Amino acid sequence: MIGIKKLLSYGGACPYQLEAITSDDKWLYIRYRHGFLSYVIADSIDSWANSDYLYDYEVRVGHENDGYANHDLIFPYLCDKIQFPENFRLES
């Protein structure tokens, strides 16, 4: 399981985005747009920008026109993969 050490930014819509530093100092980027939920782990923001990923994941969870992160829809796809800070809720 991936632990989040520091949340850098999160929120928005079309796409919803979350950026964080993992407990092992990797770059984590989560995105929800067009009904697809994805996340990427990279060594750094620079390697992420160059598409040099250590791990990536994508799954369709909503309608193709969705871009708002509904916590109850999206969180079940992430909660067994990413350890969020206590009481964290996805916000759009």
PDB file of N, CA and C in Angstrom:
ATOM      1  N   MET A   1       0.841  -1.176   0.000  1.00  0.00           N
ATOM      2  CA  MET A   1       0.000   0.000   0.000  1.00  0.00           C
ATOM      3  C   MET A   1       0.890   1.245   0.000  1.00  0.00           C
ATOM      4  N   ILE A   2       0.464   2.232  -0.732  1.00  0.00           N
ATOM      5  CA  ILE A   2       1.201   3.489  -0.865  1.00  0.00           C
ATOM      6  C   ILE A   2       0.730   4.453   0.221  1.00  0.00           C
ATOM      7  N   GLY A   3       1.644   4.931   1.018  1.00  0.00           N
ATOM      8  CA  GLY A   3       1.300   5.904   2.044  1.00  0.00           C
ATOM      9  C   GLY A   3       1.578   7.321   1.566  1.00  0.00           C
ATOM     10  N   ILE A   4       0.705   8.235   1.940  1.00  0.00           N
ATOM     11  CA  ILE A   4       0.911   9.646   1.610  1.00  0.00           C
ATOM     12  C   ILE A   4       1.573  10.334   2.792  1.00  0.00           C
ATOM     13  N   LYS A   5       2.738  10.914   2.526  1.00  0.00           N
ATOM     14  CA  LYS A   5       3.461  11.660   3.552  1.00  0.00           C
ATOM     15  C   LYS A   5       3.036  13.127   3.574  1.00  0.00           C
ATOM     16  N   LYS A   6       2.824  13.687   2.375  1.00  0.00           N
ATOM     17  CA  LYS A   6       2.492  15.109   2.294  1.00  0.00           C
ATOM     18  C   LYS A   6       1.580  15.364   1.100  1.00  0.00           C
ATOM     19  N   LEU A   7       0.414  15.944   1.347  1.00  0.00           N
ATOM     20  CA  LEU A   7      -0.469  16.375   0.270  1.00  0.00           C
ATOM     21  C   LEU A   7       0.021  17.724  -0.227  1.00  0.00           C
ATOM     22  N   LEU A   8       0.236  17.841  -1.523  1.00  0.00           N
ATOM     23  CA  LEU A   8       0.700  19.098  -2.103  1.00  0.00           C
ATOM     24  C   LEU A   8      -0.464  19.935  -2.621  1.00  0.00           C
ATOM     25  N   SER A   9      -1.395  19.296  -3.306  1.00  0.00           N
ATOM     26  CA  SER A   9      -2.587  19.996  -3.780  1.00  0.00           C
ATOM     27  C   SER A   9      -3.635  18.962  -4.157  1.00  0.00           C
ATOM     28  N   TYR A  10      -4.879  19.350  -4.058  1.00  0.00           N
ATOM     29  CA  TYR A  10      -5.962  18.471  -4.491  1.00  0.00           C
ATOM     30  C   TYR A  10      -7.225  19.290  -4.683  1.00  0.00           C
ATOM     31  N   GLY A  11      -8.077  18.791  -5.558  1.00  0.00           N
ATOM     32  CA  GLY A  11      -9.356  19.434  -5.810  1.00  0.00           C
ATOM     33  C   GLY A  11      -9.556  19.722  -7.270  1.00  0.00           C
ATOM     34  N   GLY A  12     -10.548  20.545  -7.529  1.00  0.00           N
ATOM     35  CA  GLY A  12     -10.855  20.930  -8.882  1.00  0.00           C
ATOM     36  C   GLY A  12     -11.824  19.977  -9.546  1.00  0.00           C
ATOM     37  N   ALA A  13     -12.087  20.255 -10.785  1.00  0.00           N
ATOM     38  CA  ALA A  13     -12.998  19.416 -11.561  1.00  0.00           C
ATOM     39  C   ALA A  13     -12.618  19.531 -13.020  1.00  0.00           C
ATOM     40  N   CYS A  14     -12.855  18.447 -13.728  1.00  0.00           N
ATOM     41  CA  CYS A  14     -12.614  18.397 -15.178  1.00  0.00           C
ATOM     42  C   CYS A  14     -11.189  18.775 -15.564  1.00  0.00           C
ATOM     43  N   PRO A  15     -10.154  18.261 -14.991  1.00  0.00           N
ATOM     44  CA  PRO A  15     -10.121  17.089 -14.130  1.00  0.00           C
ATOM     45  C   PRO A  15     -10.004  17.452 -12.648  1.00  0.00           C
ATOM     46  N   TYR A  16     -10.377  16.484 -11.812  1.00  0.00           N
ATOM     47  CA  TYR A  16     -10.011  16.499 -10.405  1.00  0.00           C
ATOM     48  C   TYR A  16      -8.565  16.012 -10.370  1.00  0.00           C
ATOM     49  N   GLN A  17      -7.720  16.663  -9.566  1.00  0.00           N
ATOM     50  CA  GLN A  17      -6.316  16.257  -9.488  1.00  0.00           C
ATOM     51  C   GLN A  17      -5.837  16.277  -8.044  1.00  0.00           C
ATOM     52  N   LEU A  18      -4.965  15.371  -7.723  1.00  0.00           N
ATOM     53  CA  LEU A  18      -4.316  15.331  -6.419  1.00  0.00           C
ATOM     54  C   LEU A  18      -2.840  15.065  -6.652  1.00  0.00           C
ATOM     55  N   GLU A  19      -2.002  15.860  -6.002  1.00  0.00           N
ATOM     56  CA  GLU A  19      -0.557  15.659  -6.057  1.00  0.00           C
ATOM     57  C   GLU A  19      -0.059  15.482  -4.635  1.00  0.00           C
ATOM     58  N   ALA A  20       0.845  14.533  -4.445  1.00  0.00           N
ATOM     59  CA  ALA A  20       1.342  14.240  -3.106  1.00  0.00           C
ATOM     60  C   ALA A  20       2.735  13.635  -3.179  1.00  0.00           C
ATOM     61  N   ILE A  21       3.375  13.623  -2.017  1.00  0.00           N
ATOM     62  CA  ILE A  21       4.644  12.916  -1.820  1.00  0.00           C
ATOM     63  C   ILE A  21       4.331  11.680  -0.994  1.00  0.00           C
ATOM     64  N   THR A  22       4.807  10.532  -1.447  1.00  0.00           N
ATOM     65  CA  THR A  22       4.547   9.275  -0.743  1.00  0.00           C
ATOM     66  C   THR A  22       5.495   9.121   0.443  1.00  0.00           C
ATOM     67  N   SER A  23       5.201   8.135   1.263  1.00  0.00           N
ATOM     68  CA  SER A  23       6.026   7.887   2.445  1.00  0.00           C
ATOM     69  C   SER A  23       7.448   7.494   2.090  1.00  0.00           C
ATOM     70  N   ASP A  24       7.682   7.014   0.859  1.00  0.00           N
ATOM     71  CA  ASP A  24       9.039   6.698   0.421  1.00  0.00           C
ATOM     72  C   ASP A  24       9.575   7.751  -0.560  1.00  0.00           C
ATOM     73  N   ASP A  25       9.037   8.979  -0.452  1.00  0.00           N
ATOM     74  CA  ASP A  25       9.511  10.159  -1.196  1.00  0.00           C
ATOM     75  C   ASP A  25       9.374  10.052  -2.711  1.00  0.00           C
ATOM     76  N   LYS A  26       8.302   9.403  -3.162  1.00  0.00           N
ATOM     77  CA  LYS A  26       7.984   9.360  -4.591  1.00  0.00           C
ATOM     78  C   LYS A  26       6.897  10.391  -4.882  1.00  0.00           C
ATOM     79  N   TRP A  27       6.701  10.684  -6.153  1.00  0.00           N
ATOM     80  CA  TRP A  27       5.678  11.622  -6.609  1.00  0.00           C
ATOM     81  C   TRP A  27       4.412  10.843  -6.934  1.00  0.00           C
ATOM     82  N   LEU A  28       3.277  11.261  -6.391  1.00  0.00           N
ATOM     83  CA  LEU A  28       1.993  10.621  -6.645  1.00  0.00           C
ATOM     84  C   LEU A  28       1.062  11.639  -7.289  1.00  0.00           C
ATOM     85  N   TYR A  29       0.445  11.245  -8.384  1.00  0.00           N
ATOM     86  CA  TYR A  29      -0.498  12.102  -9.094  1.00  0.00           C
ATOM     87  C   TYR A  29      -1.760  11.290  -9.361  1.00  0.00           C
ATOM     88  N   ILE A  30      -2.902  11.790  -8.864  1.00  0.00           N
ATOM     89  CA  ILE A  30      -4.191  11.147  -9.080  1.00  0.00           C
ATOM     90  C   ILE A  30      -5.037  12.090  -9.922  1.00  0.00           C
ATOM     91  N   ARG A  31      -5.783  11.515 -10.854  1.00  0.00           N
ATOM     92  CA  ARG A  31      -6.598  12.332 -11.761  1.00  0.00           C
ATOM     93  C   ARG A  31      -7.911  11.613 -12.047  1.00  0.00           C
ATOM     94  N   TYR A  32      -8.988  12.391 -12.133  1.00  0.00           N
ATOM     95  CA  TYR A  32     -10.280  11.847 -12.544  1.00  0.00           C
ATOM     96  C   TYR A  32     -10.857  12.765 -13.609  1.00  0.00           C
ATOM     97  N   ARG A  33     -11.072  12.211 -14.790  1.00  0.00           N
ATOM     98  CA  ARG A  33     -11.630  12.973 -15.902  1.00  0.00           C
ATOM     99  C   ARG A  33     -12.247  11.999 -16.909  1.00  0.00           C
ATOM    100  N   HIS A  34     -13.339  12.409 -17.516  1.00  0.00           N
ATOM    101  CA  HIS A  34     -14.049  11.605 -18.512  1.00  0.00           C
ATOM    102  C   HIS A  34     -14.416  10.220 -17.980  1.00  0.00           C
ATOM    103  N   GLY A  35     -14.685  10.146 -16.670  1.00  0.00           N
ATOM    104  CA  GLY A  35     -15.073   8.875 -16.071  1.00  0.00           C
ATOM    105  C   GLY A  35     -13.924   7.940 -15.767  1.00  0.00           C
ATOM    106  N   PHE A  36     -12.696   8.353 -16.081  1.00  0.00           N
ATOM    107  CA  PHE A  36     -11.518   7.532 -15.796  1.00  0.00           C
ATOM    108  C   PHE A  36     -10.795   8.042 -14.556  1.00  0.00           C
ATOM    109  N   LEU A  37     -10.486   7.123 -13.672  1.00  0.00           N
ATOM    110  CA  LEU A  37      -9.677   7.392 -12.502  1.00  0.00           C
ATOM    111  C   LEU A  37      -8.296   6.822 -12.771  1.00  0.00           C
ATOM    112  N   SER A  38      -7.262   7.624 -12.582  1.00  0.00           N
ATOM    113  CA  SER A  38      -5.905   7.123 -12.803  1.00  0.00           C
ATOM    114  C   SER A  38      -4.977   7.689 -11.738  1.00  0.00           C
ATOM    115  N   TYR A  39      -3.919   6.959 -11.518  1.00  0.00           N
ATOM    116  CA  TYR A  39      -2.832   7.514 -10.710  1.00  0.00           C
ATOM    117  C   TYR A  39      -1.504   7.031 -11.236  1.00  0.00           C
ATOM    118  N   VAL A  40      -0.509   7.855 -10.957  1.00  0.00           N
ATOM    119  CA  VAL A  40       0.856   7.603 -11.422  1.00  0.00           C
ATOM    120  C   VAL A  40       1.790   7.806 -10.245  1.00  0.00           C
ATOM    121  N   ILE A  41       2.785   6.959 -10.148  1.00  0.00           N
ATOM    122  CA  ILE A  41       3.867   7.127  -9.177  1.00  0.00           C
ATOM    123  C   ILE A  41       5.152   7.244  -9.973  1.00  0.00           C
ATOM    124  N   ALA A  42       5.939   8.248  -9.639  1.00  0.00           N
ATOM    125  CA  ALA A  42       7.216   8.477 -10.317  1.00  0.00           C
ATOM    126  C   ALA A  42       8.256   8.850  -9.272  1.00  0.00           C
ATOM    127  N   ASP A  43       9.522   8.757  -9.657  1.00  0.00           N
ATOM    128  CA  ASP A  43      10.592   9.129  -8.728  1.00  0.00           C
ATOM    129  C   ASP A  43      10.520  10.596  -8.325  1.00  0.00           C
ATOM    130  N   SER A  44      10.097  11.441  -9.271  1.00  0.00           N
ATOM    131  CA  SER A  44      10.040  12.888  -9.008  1.00  0.00           C
ATOM    132  C   SER A  44       9.064  13.522  -9.976  1.00  0.00           C
ATOM    133  N   ILE A  45       8.775  14.790  -9.760  1.00  0.00           N
ATOM    134  CA  ILE A  45       7.895  15.503 -10.691  1.00  0.00           C
ATOM    135  C   ILE A  45       8.535  15.585 -12.073  1.00  0.00           C
ATOM    136  N   ASP A  46       9.842  15.681 -12.134  1.00  0.00           N
ATOM    137  CA  ASP A  46      10.520  15.731 -13.429  1.00  0.00           C
ATOM    138  C   ASP A  46      10.365  14.423 -14.199  1.00  0.00           C
ATOM    139  N   SER A  47      10.540  13.302 -13.529  1.00  0.00           N
ATOM    140  CA  SER A  47      10.372  12.025 -14.229  1.00  0.00           C
ATOM    141  C   SER A  47       8.909  11.809 -14.593  1.00  0.00           C
ATOM    142  N   TRP A  48       7.991  12.287 -13.763  1.00  0.00           N
ATOM    143  CA  TRP A  48       6.564  12.212 -14.096  1.00  0.00           C
ATOM    144  C   TRP A  48       6.275  13.024 -15.354  1.00  0.00           C
ATOM    145  N   ALA A  49       6.814  14.229 -15.431  1.00  0.00           N
ATOM    146  CA  ALA A  49       6.591  15.094 -16.592  1.00  0.00           C
ATOM    147  C   ALA A  49       7.142  14.468 -17.874  1.00  0.00           C
ATOM    148  N   ASN A  50       8.135  13.613 -17.742  1.00  0.00           N
ATOM    149  CA  ASN A  50       8.728  12.934 -18.894  1.00  0.00           C
ATOM    150  C   ASN A  50       8.128  11.542 -19.128  1.00  0.00           C
ATOM    151  N   SER A  51       7.013  11.268 -18.469  1.00  0.00           N
ATOM    152  CA  SER A  51       6.315   9.983 -18.583  1.00  0.00           C
ATOM    153  C   SER A  51       7.175   8.797 -18.173  1.00  0.00           C
ATOM    154  N   ASP A  52       8.086   9.023 -17.253  1.00  0.00           N
ATOM    155  CA  ASP A  52       8.940   7.962 -16.728  1.00  0.00           C
ATOM    156  C   ASP A  52       8.333   7.484 -15.408  1.00  0.00           C
ATOM    157  N   TYR A  53       7.336   6.576 -15.507  1.00  0.00           N
ATOM    158  CA  TYR A  53       6.569   6.154 -14.353  1.00  0.00           C
ATOM    159  C   TYR A  53       7.131   4.886 -13.725  1.00  0.00           C
ATOM    160  N   LEU A  54       7.026   4.804 -12.415  1.00  0.00           N
ATOM    161  CA  LEU A  54       7.332   3.564 -11.717  1.00  0.00           C
ATOM    162  C   LEU A  54       6.102   2.663 -11.718  1.00  0.00           C
ATOM    163  N   TYR A  55       4.934   3.298 -11.664  1.00  0.00           N
ATOM    164  CA  TYR A  55       3.687   2.543 -11.640  1.00  0.00           C
ATOM    165  C   TYR A  55       2.572   3.440 -12.144  1.00  0.00           C
ATOM    166  N   ASP A  56       1.650   2.883 -12.899  1.00  0.00           N
ATOM    167  CA  ASP A  56       0.458   3.633 -13.262  1.00  0.00           C
ATOM    168  C   ASP A  56      -0.750   2.711 -13.243  1.00  0.00           C
ATOM    169  N   TYR A  57      -1.904   3.309 -13.041  1.00  0.00           N
ATOM    170  CA  TYR A  57      -3.147   2.578 -12.862  1.00  0.00           C
ATOM    171  C   TYR A  57      -4.260   3.416 -13.466  1.00  0.00           C
ATOM    172  N   GLU A  58      -5.177   2.781 -14.207  1.00  0.00           N
ATOM    173  CA  GLU A  58      -6.325   3.502 -14.753  1.00  0.00           C
ATOM    174  C   GLU A  58      -7.514   2.558 -14.816  1.00  0.00           C
ATOM    175  N   VAL A  59      -8.682   3.090 -14.444  1.00  0.00           N
ATOM    176  CA  VAL A  59      -9.909   2.307 -14.480  1.00  0.00           C
ATOM    177  C   VAL A  59     -11.075   3.254 -14.756  1.00  0.00           C
ATOM    178  N   ARG A  60     -12.022   2.784 -15.555  1.00  0.00           N
ATOM    179  CA  ARG A  60     -13.242   3.581 -15.765  1.00  0.00           C
ATOM    180  C   ARG A  60     -14.160   3.326 -14.584  1.00  0.00           C
ATOM    181  N   VAL A  61     -14.594   4.409 -13.935  1.00  0.00           N
ATOM    182  CA  VAL A  61     -15.482   4.284 -12.788  1.00  0.00           C
ATOM    183  C   VAL A  61     -16.757   5.112 -12.959  1.00  0.00           C
ATOM    184  N   GLY A  62     -16.810   5.953 -13.966  1.00  0.00           N
ATOM    185  CA  GLY A  62     -17.972   6.808 -14.146  1.00  0.00           C
ATOM    186  C   GLY A  62     -18.318   6.981 -15.609  1.00  0.00           C
ATOM    187  N   HIS A  63     -19.189   7.911 -15.852  1.00  0.00           N
ATOM    188  CA  HIS A  63     -19.660   8.217 -17.195  1.00  0.00           C
ATOM    189  C   HIS A  63     -18.603   9.025 -17.945  1.00  0.00           C
ATOM    190  N   GLU A  64     -18.563   8.910 -19.257  1.00  0.00           N
ATOM    191  CA  GLU A  64     -17.541   9.590 -20.061  1.00  0.00           C
ATOM    192  C   GLU A  64     -17.579  11.112 -19.945  1.00  0.00           C
ATOM    193  N   ASN A  65     -18.669  11.690 -19.478  1.00  0.00           N
ATOM    194  CA  ASN A  65     -18.743  13.138 -19.295  1.00  0.00           C
ATOM    195  C   ASN A  65     -18.414  13.576 -17.871  1.00  0.00           C
ATOM    196  N   ASP A  66     -18.136  12.619 -16.980  1.00  0.00           N
ATOM    197  CA  ASP A  66     -17.812  12.954 -15.590  1.00  0.00           C
ATOM    198  C   ASP A  66     -16.436  13.592 -15.484  1.00  0.00           C
ATOM    199  N   GLY A  67     -16.334  14.553 -14.600  1.00  0.00           N
ATOM    200  CA  GLY A  67     -15.046  15.167 -14.306  1.00  0.00           C
ATOM    201  C   GLY A  67     -14.949  15.614 -12.863  1.00  0.00           C
ATOM    202  N   TYR A  68     -16.046  15.440 -12.122  1.00  0.00           N
ATOM    203  CA  TYR A  68     -16.080  15.817 -10.717  1.00  0.00           C
ATOM    204  C   TYR A  68     -15.829  14.586  -9.855  1.00  0.00           C
ATOM    205  N   ALA A  69     -14.976  14.711  -8.877  1.00  0.00           N
ATOM    206  CA  ALA A  69     -14.616  13.583  -8.018  1.00  0.00           C
ATOM    207  C   ALA A  69     -15.673  13.373  -6.944  1.00  0.00           C
ATOM    208  N   ASN A  70     -16.499  12.383  -7.134  1.00  0.00           N
ATOM    209  CA  ASN A  70     -17.481  11.992  -6.132  1.00  0.00           C
ATOM    210  C   ASN A  70     -16.788  11.010  -5.191  1.00  0.00           C
ATOM    211  N   HIS A  71     -16.594  11.410  -3.949  1.00  0.00           N
ATOM    212  CA  HIS A  71     -15.850  10.607  -2.985  1.00  0.00           C
ATOM    213  C   HIS A  71     -16.392   9.177  -2.896  1.00  0.00           C
ATOM    214  N   ASP A  72     -17.703   9.027  -2.794  1.00  0.00           N
ATOM    215  CA  ASP A  72     -18.286   7.696  -2.611  1.00  0.00           C
ATOM    216  C   ASP A  72     -18.097   6.804  -3.830  1.00  0.00           C
ATOM    217  N   LEU A  73     -17.978   7.378  -5.013  1.00  0.00           N
ATOM    218  CA  LEU A  73     -17.753   6.601  -6.226  1.00  0.00           C
ATOM    219  C   LEU A  73     -16.273   6.237  -6.399  1.00  0.00           C
ATOM    220  N   ILE A  74     -15.400   7.200  -6.169  1.00  0.00           N
ATOM    221  CA  ILE A  74     -13.982   7.040  -6.486  1.00  0.00           C
ATOM    222  C   ILE A  74     -13.165   6.400  -5.366  1.00  0.00           C
ATOM    223  N   PHE A  75     -13.443   6.775  -4.133  1.00  0.00           N
ATOM    224  CA  PHE A  75     -12.602   6.328  -3.021  1.00  0.00           C
ATOM    225  C   PHE A  75     -12.481   4.808  -2.908  1.00  0.00           C
ATOM    226  N   PRO A  76     -13.545   4.031  -3.145  1.00  0.00           N
ATOM    227  CA  PRO A  76     -13.389   2.571  -3.054  1.00  0.00           C
ATOM    228  C   PRO A  76     -12.329   1.996  -4.001  1.00  0.00           C
ATOM    229  N   TYR A  77     -12.057   2.664  -5.096  1.00  0.00           N
ATOM    230  CA  TYR A  77     -11.037   2.192  -6.042  1.00  0.00           C
ATOM    231  C   TYR A  77      -9.616   2.515  -5.565  1.00  0.00           C
ATOM    232  N   LEU A  78      -9.509   3.403  -4.593  1.00  0.00           N
ATOM    233  CA  LEU A  78      -8.188   3.829  -4.127  1.00  0.00           C
ATOM    234  C   LEU A  78      -7.852   3.360  -2.717  1.00  0.00           C
ATOM    235  N   CYS A  79      -8.859   3.129  -1.884  1.00  0.00           N
ATOM    236  CA  CYS A  79      -8.609   2.918  -0.457  1.00  0.00           C
ATOM    237  C   CYS A  79      -7.782   1.672  -0.153  1.00  0.00           C
ATOM    238  N   ASP A  80      -7.766   0.680  -1.031  1.00  0.00           N
ATOM    239  CA  ASP A  80      -6.931  -0.497  -0.778  1.00  0.00           C
ATOM    240  C   ASP A  80      -5.554  -0.381  -1.436  1.00  0.00           C
ATOM    241  N   LYS A  81      -5.323   0.737  -2.139  1.00  0.00           N
ATOM    242  CA  LYS A  81      -4.045   0.952  -2.816  1.00  0.00           C
ATOM    243  C   LYS A  81      -3.247   2.098  -2.205  1.00  0.00           C
ATOM    244  N   ILE A  82      -3.964   3.102  -1.686  1.00  0.00           N
ATOM    245  CA  ILE A  82      -3.318   4.310  -1.174  1.00  0.00           C
ATOM    246  C   ILE A  82      -3.813   4.587   0.237  1.00  0.00           C
ATOM    247  N   GLN A  83      -2.881   4.824   1.144  1.00  0.00           N
ATOM    248  CA  GLN A  83      -3.241   5.170   2.509  1.00  0.00           C
ATOM    249  C   GLN A  83      -3.291   6.690   2.618  1.00  0.00           C
ATOM    250  N   PHE A  84      -4.502   7.221   2.681  1.00  0.00           N
ATOM    251  CA  PHE A  84      -4.711   8.659   2.776  1.00  0.00           C
ATOM    252  C   PHE A  84      -4.593   9.121   4.221  1.00  0.00           C
ATOM    253  N   PRO A  85      -4.349  10.427   4.429  1.00  0.00           N
ATOM    254  CA  PRO A  85      -4.363  10.952   5.797  1.00  0.00           C
ATOM    255  C   PRO A  85      -5.720  10.685   6.453  1.00  0.00           C
ATOM    256  N   GLU A  86      -5.723  10.537   7.749  1.00  0.00           N
ATOM    257  CA  GLU A  86      -6.947  10.252   8.488  1.00  0.00           C
ATOM    258  C   GLU A  86      -8.011  11.312   8.194  1.00  0.00           C
ATOM    259  N   ASN A  87      -9.226  10.862   8.009  1.00  0.00           N
ATOM    260  CA  ASN A  87     -10.389  11.733   7.734  1.00  0.00           C
ATOM    261  C   ASN A  87     -10.327  12.457   6.398  1.00  0.00           C
ATOM    262  N   PHE A  88      -9.472  12.033   5.485  1.00  0.00           N
ATOM    263  CA  PHE A  88      -9.394  12.679   4.187  1.00  0.00           C
ATOM    264  C   PHE A  88     -10.603  12.316   3.343  1.00  0.00           C
ATOM    265  N   ARG A  89     -11.150  13.310   2.642  1.00  0.00           N
ATOM    266  CA  ARG A  89     -12.235  13.092   1.686  1.00  0.00           C
ATOM    267  C   ARG A  89     -11.875  13.783   0.388  1.00  0.00           C
ATOM    268  N   LEU A  90     -12.126  13.101  -0.721  1.00  0.00           N
ATOM    269  CA  LEU A  90     -11.945  13.719  -2.031  1.00  0.00           C
ATOM    270  C   LEU A  90     -12.942  14.850  -2.158  1.00  0.00           C
ATOM    271  N   GLU A  91     -12.485  15.994  -2.600  1.00  0.00           N
ATOM    272  CA  GLU A  91     -13.363  17.148  -2.791  1.00  0.00           C
ATOM    273  C   GLU A  91     -13.272  17.611  -4.222  1.00  0.00           C
ATOM    274  N   SER A  92     -14.407  17.965  -4.776  1.00  0.00           N
ATOM    275  CA  SER A  92     -14.399  18.533  -6.129  1.00  0.00           C
ATOM    276  C   SER A  92     -14.646  20.022  -6.049  1.00  0.00           C
TER     277      SER A  92
END
